[in-house]
Amino acid sequence: MRLLLPLAAAFLVAASTGASAIELADYVGVWRGKGTYMRQTTTESSGKLTCRLTITAKSVDRIVVNGRCAAPEGSRGFTTEITDTGGGALAGRGLSGPDTGRSSAGQLGADGFKLIGEDDKGRTLFQLTSPLSGTLEMYSGSWSDKRTETADVVLSR
């Protein structure tokens, strides 16, 4: 019996920490970090960039991501609204920046979320890993017939 109580307590602690559900509200805050980008048009360029994401809650099931990333040749901002539509399903909408007006859809899961969009302008990807460790990885990309842009950034609060 003495052995069972510590084992049961350890199991309950592991189960409660391992099964943490992520909510959009967990992303709220100011995140800063560095990473790399790749751009391909008629020529290819790549390099380092610095990013800042300011994520605010607009309601229990909706956040707005205001981002700005800078590279040696310039900077670019974007604003994306993300809504939890139920059951872990997400809807994204570009409010400003290169993807203004574009829609995307995805899922929120234990590892974070991924939004994918496709329309006559091409494909988009916006992904953030789980914020529960205090660090986020952001992957973003945009692909069309004439242009490819990707970014991979690690951010902290």
Protein backbone atom coordinates (compact mmCIF):
# COMPACT_ATOMS: atom_id res chain seq x y z
CA MET A 1 0.00 0.00 0.00
CA ARG A 2 2.86 2.42 0.77
CA LEU A 3 4.19 1.89 -2.76
CA LEU A 4 0.81 2.37 -4.41
CA LEU A 5 0.11 5.84 -2.98
CA PRO A 6 3.29 7.47 -4.37
CA LEU A 7 2.76 5.74 -7.71
CA ALA A 8 -0.85 6.89 -7.86
CA ALA A 9 0.18 10.47 -6.97
CA ALA A 10 2.92 10.44 -9.63
CA PHE A 11 0.45 9.15 -12.22
CA LEU A 12 -2.08 11.89 -11.41
CA VAL A 13 0.58 14.60 -11.68
CA ALA A 14 1.86 13.21 -15.00
CA ALA A 15 -1.65 12.86 -16.37
CA SER A 16 -2.65 16.38 -15.40
CA THR A 17 0.50 18.00 -16.85
CA GLY A 18 0.68 15.83 -19.97
CA ALA A 19 -2.93 16.38 -20.97
CA SER A 20 -2.85 20.17 -20.92
CA ALA A 21 -5.26 21.55 -23.45
CA ILE A 22 -4.10 24.56 -25.42
CA GLU A 23 -6.49 27.44 -25.93
CA LEU A 24 -6.11 30.49 -28.13
CA ALA A 25 -5.86 32.60 -24.95
CA ASP A 26 -2.56 30.83 -24.15
CA TYR A 27 -0.95 32.70 -27.08
CA VAL A 28 -1.83 36.17 -25.77
CA GLY A 29 1.20 38.34 -25.06
CA VAL A 30 4.20 39.91 -26.73
CA TRP A 31 6.61 37.45 -28.35
CA ARG A 32 10.05 38.38 -29.78
CA GLY A 33 12.59 36.29 -31.59
CA LYS A 34 14.96 35.62 -34.45
CA GLY A 35 14.98 33.27 -37.36
CA THR A 36 15.57 32.90 -41.05
CA TYR A 37 13.70 33.62 -44.26
CA MET A 38 13.88 32.49 -47.86
CA ARG A 39 12.41 34.40 -50.81
CA GLN A 40 12.37 33.24 -54.41
CA THR A 41 11.15 35.31 -57.32
CA THR A 42 13.27 35.66 -60.44
CA THR A 43 16.19 35.49 -58.00
CA GLU A 44 16.61 33.77 -54.65
CA SER A 45 17.50 35.48 -51.39
CA SER A 46 17.71 34.31 -47.82
CA GLY A 47 18.93 35.61 -44.53
CA LYS A 48 18.24 36.36 -40.91
CA LEU A 49 15.27 38.22 -39.56
CA THR A 50 13.93 39.52 -36.27
CA CYS A 51 10.23 39.33 -35.45
CA ARG A 52 7.78 40.57 -32.88
CA LEU A 53 4.25 39.22 -32.45
CA THR A 54 1.72 41.04 -30.29
CA ILE A 55 -1.21 38.70 -29.74
CA THR A 56 -4.40 40.06 -28.19
CA ALA A 57 -7.68 38.39 -27.24
CA LYS A 58 -10.75 39.87 -28.88
CA SER A 59 -13.08 37.37 -27.21
CA VAL A 60 -12.91 33.94 -25.56
CA ASP A 61 -12.62 32.25 -28.96
CA ARG A 62 -10.79 34.88 -31.04
CA ILE A 63 -7.26 36.34 -31.09
CA VAL A 64 -5.54 38.87 -33.31
CA VAL A 65 -1.87 38.43 -34.21
CA ASN A 66 -0.08 41.67 -35.08
CA GLY A 67 3.35 40.77 -36.41
CA ARG A 68 6.34 42.64 -37.72
CA CYS A 69 9.48 41.03 -39.09
CA ALA A 70 12.61 42.85 -40.21
CA ALA A 71 15.48 41.72 -42.40
CA PRO A 72 18.49 43.77 -43.59
CA GLU A 73 16.63 44.84 -46.75
CA GLY A 74 13.46 46.02 -44.94
CA SER A 75 10.54 45.07 -42.75
CA ARG A 76 6.99 43.90 -43.22
CA GLY A 77 3.99 43.81 -40.93
CA PHE A 78 0.86 41.69 -40.91
CA THR A 79 -2.32 41.27 -38.92
CA THR A 80 -4.25 38.00 -38.80
CA GLU A 81 -7.46 37.25 -36.92
CA ILE A 82 -7.86 33.66 -35.71
CA THR A 83 -11.20 32.29 -34.52
CA ASP A 84 -11.89 28.97 -32.79
CA THR A 85 -15.00 27.73 -34.60
CA GLY A 86 -15.50 24.74 -32.29
CA GLY A 87 -13.99 21.31 -31.79
CA GLY A 88 -10.47 22.64 -32.29
CA ALA A 89 -11.25 23.93 -35.79
CA LEU A 90 -9.82 27.37 -36.61
CA ALA A 91 -10.61 30.03 -39.18
CA GLY A 92 -8.03 32.66 -40.11
CA ARG A 93 -8.45 35.96 -41.93
CA GLY A 94 -5.72 38.33 -43.09
CA LEU A 95 -6.53 41.85 -41.89
CA SER A 96 -3.38 43.61 -43.15
CA GLY A 97 -0.10 42.88 -44.87
CA PRO A 98 0.54 40.70 -47.90
CA ASP A 99 -2.38 38.35 -47.12
CA THR A 100 -5.08 41.01 -46.55
CA GLY A 101 -8.51 39.54 -47.19
CA ARG A 102 -7.26 36.00 -47.57
CA SER A 103 -8.91 33.19 -45.58
CA SER A 104 -7.39 30.09 -44.09
CA ALA A 105 -8.52 27.13 -42.00
CA GLY A 106 -6.84 24.73 -39.63
CA GLN A 107 -6.76 22.97 -36.29
CA LEU A 108 -5.68 23.75 -32.74
CA GLY A 109 -4.08 20.75 -31.05
CA ALA A 110 -1.66 19.79 -28.30
CA ASP A 111 1.33 20.82 -30.45
CA GLY A 112 -0.09 24.22 -31.47
CA PHE A 113 -1.99 25.29 -34.56
CA LYS A 114 -1.61 25.37 -38.30
CA LEU A 115 -3.65 27.49 -40.71
CA ILE A 116 -3.60 26.77 -44.45
CA GLY A 117 -5.24 28.86 -47.14
CA GLU A 118 -5.54 28.48 -50.88
CA ASP A 119 -7.13 30.77 -53.42
CA ASP A 120 -6.47 32.17 -56.89
CA LYS A 121 -3.46 34.10 -55.49
CA GLY A 122 -1.73 30.92 -54.25
CA ARG A 123 -1.26 29.09 -50.96
CA THR A 124 -0.50 30.36 -47.44
CA LEU A 125 0.67 28.73 -44.22
CA PHE A 126 0.80 30.17 -40.70
CA GLN A 127 1.79 27.87 -37.86
CA LEU A 128 2.62 28.45 -34.19
CA THR A 129 3.75 25.68 -31.87
CA SER A 130 2.42 25.30 -28.35
CA PRO A 131 3.07 28.34 -26.12
CA LEU A 132 3.01 26.34 -22.89
CA SER A 133 6.81 26.05 -22.68
CA GLY A 134 7.23 29.85 -22.93
CA THR A 135 8.75 29.56 -26.41
CA LEU A 136 6.96 29.54 -29.78
CA GLU A 137 8.17 28.43 -33.17
CA MET A 138 6.55 30.30 -36.04
CA TYR A 139 6.50 28.89 -39.54
CA SER A 140 4.94 30.95 -42.30
CA GLY A 141 4.90 30.72 -46.04
CA SER A 142 3.29 32.04 -49.17
CA TRP A 143 3.49 30.30 -52.54
CA SER A 144 2.29 31.44 -55.94
CA ASP A 145 3.31 30.89 -59.56
CA LYS A 146 5.85 33.71 -59.41
CA ARG A 147 6.91 33.95 -55.77
CA THR A 148 7.79 31.82 -52.75
CA GLU A 149 8.41 33.24 -49.27
CA THR A 150 9.01 31.28 -46.08
CA ALA A 151 10.06 32.17 -42.53
CA ASP A 152 11.10 30.06 -39.57
CA VAL A 153 11.37 31.98 -36.26
CA VAL A 154 11.77 31.06 -32.57
CA LEU A 155 10.04 33.53 -30.23
CA SER A 156 9.94 34.03 -26.45
CA ARG A 157 7.82 36.21 -24.16
